[in-house]
């Protein structure tokens, strides 16, 4: 996932062997803000509409779940 921190767009690139899954954007309180079904290896999200702060990206695949924090900031 890059860039992090971001002012808007984030590129998510799952690892080798990715066969599809679900990508969720969550608030730090755990509230689901977005959900995307993924079939491609690389996905671009636009987080520019969110308030500055910390968010969680959670990728769920048949092989398991991975989560990463992303920081949205403004200059």
Protein backbone atom coordinates (compact mmCIF):
# COMPACT_ATOMS: atom_id res chain seq x y z
CA UNK A 1 0.00 0.00 0.00
CA UNK A 2 1.43 3.34 -0.95
CA UNK A 3 1.74 6.17 -0.36
CA UNK A 4 1.27 6.23 3.39
CA UNK A 5 0.54 8.84 4.66
CA UNK A 6 -1.63 10.02 1.79
CA UNK A 7 -3.61 13.08 0.77
CA UNK A 8 -6.07 10.96 -1.21
CA UNK A 9 -5.17 8.09 -3.51
CA UNK A 10 -3.76 4.83 -2.15
CA UNK A 11 -2.57 1.94 -4.31
CA UNK A 12 -3.17 -1.51 -2.79
CA UNK A 13 -1.11 -4.36 -4.25
CA UNK A 14 -1.83 -7.79 -2.74
CA UNK A 15 0.98 -10.35 -2.67
CA UNK A 16 1.76 -13.20 -5.02
CA UNK A 17 -0.98 -15.79 -5.43
CA UNK A 18 -3.83 -13.28 -5.00
CA UNK A 19 -7.01 -14.84 -6.37
CA UNK A 20 -9.56 -12.22 -5.34
CA UNK A 21 -11.14 -11.03 -2.16
CA UNK A 22 -12.81 -8.16 -0.32
CA UNK A 23 -11.18 -4.87 0.64
CA UNK A 24 -12.78 -2.82 3.41
CA UNK A 25 -12.03 0.71 4.58
CA UNK A 26 -12.74 1.02 8.31
CA UNK A 27 -12.70 3.91 10.75
CA UNK A 28 -10.52 3.55 13.86
CA UNK A 29 -13.75 2.79 15.74
CA UNK A 30 -14.31 -0.21 13.44
CA UNK A 31 -17.16 1.27 11.40
CA UNK A 32 -17.13 0.04 7.78
CA UNK A 33 -16.90 3.02 5.42
CA UNK A 34 -16.38 1.26 2.08
CA UNK A 35 -16.27 -2.27 0.73
CA UNK A 36 -14.84 -3.41 -2.61
CA UNK A 37 -14.80 -6.84 -4.26
CA UNK A 38 -11.39 -7.31 -5.82
CA UNK A 39 -10.53 -9.48 -8.78
CA UNK A 40 -7.42 -7.66 -10.01
CA UNK A 41 -4.02 -7.63 -8.38
CA UNK A 42 -3.74 -3.84 -7.95
CA UNK A 43 -6.50 -1.47 -6.82
CA UNK A 44 -6.49 2.30 -6.36
CA UNK A 45 -8.66 3.82 -3.63
CA UNK A 46 -9.48 7.52 -3.31
CA UNK A 47 -9.56 8.43 0.38
CA UNK A 48 -9.46 12.18 -0.32
CA UNK A 49 -13.07 12.61 0.81
CA UNK A 50 -12.31 11.42 4.33
CA UNK A 51 -11.34 13.66 7.22
CA UNK A 52 -7.66 13.63 8.18
CA UNK A 53 -6.93 10.74 10.52
CA UNK A 54 -6.09 7.06 10.77
CA UNK A 55 -8.07 4.43 8.84
CA UNK A 56 -7.76 0.68 8.51
CA UNK A 57 -7.66 -1.22 5.23
CA UNK A 58 -8.66 -4.87 5.67
CA UNK A 59 -8.17 -7.39 2.86
CA UNK A 60 -9.97 -10.73 3.21
CA UNK A 61 -9.13 -13.59 0.83
CA UNK A 62 -9.64 -17.36 0.87
CA UNK A 63 -6.14 -17.55 2.39
CA UNK A 64 -6.87 -15.22 5.34
CA UNK A 65 -7.11 -11.60 6.39
CA UNK A 66 -4.52 -8.81 6.45
CA UNK A 67 -4.97 -5.30 7.85
CA UNK A 68 -2.90 -2.13 7.45
CA UNK A 69 -3.29 1.35 8.89
CA UNK A 70 -3.31 4.30 6.51
CA UNK A 71 -3.01 7.94 7.50
CA UNK A 72 -5.02 10.55 5.58
CA UNK A 73 -3.56 14.04 5.89
CA UNK A 74 -4.00 17.50 4.38
CA UNK A 75 -1.32 20.10 3.64
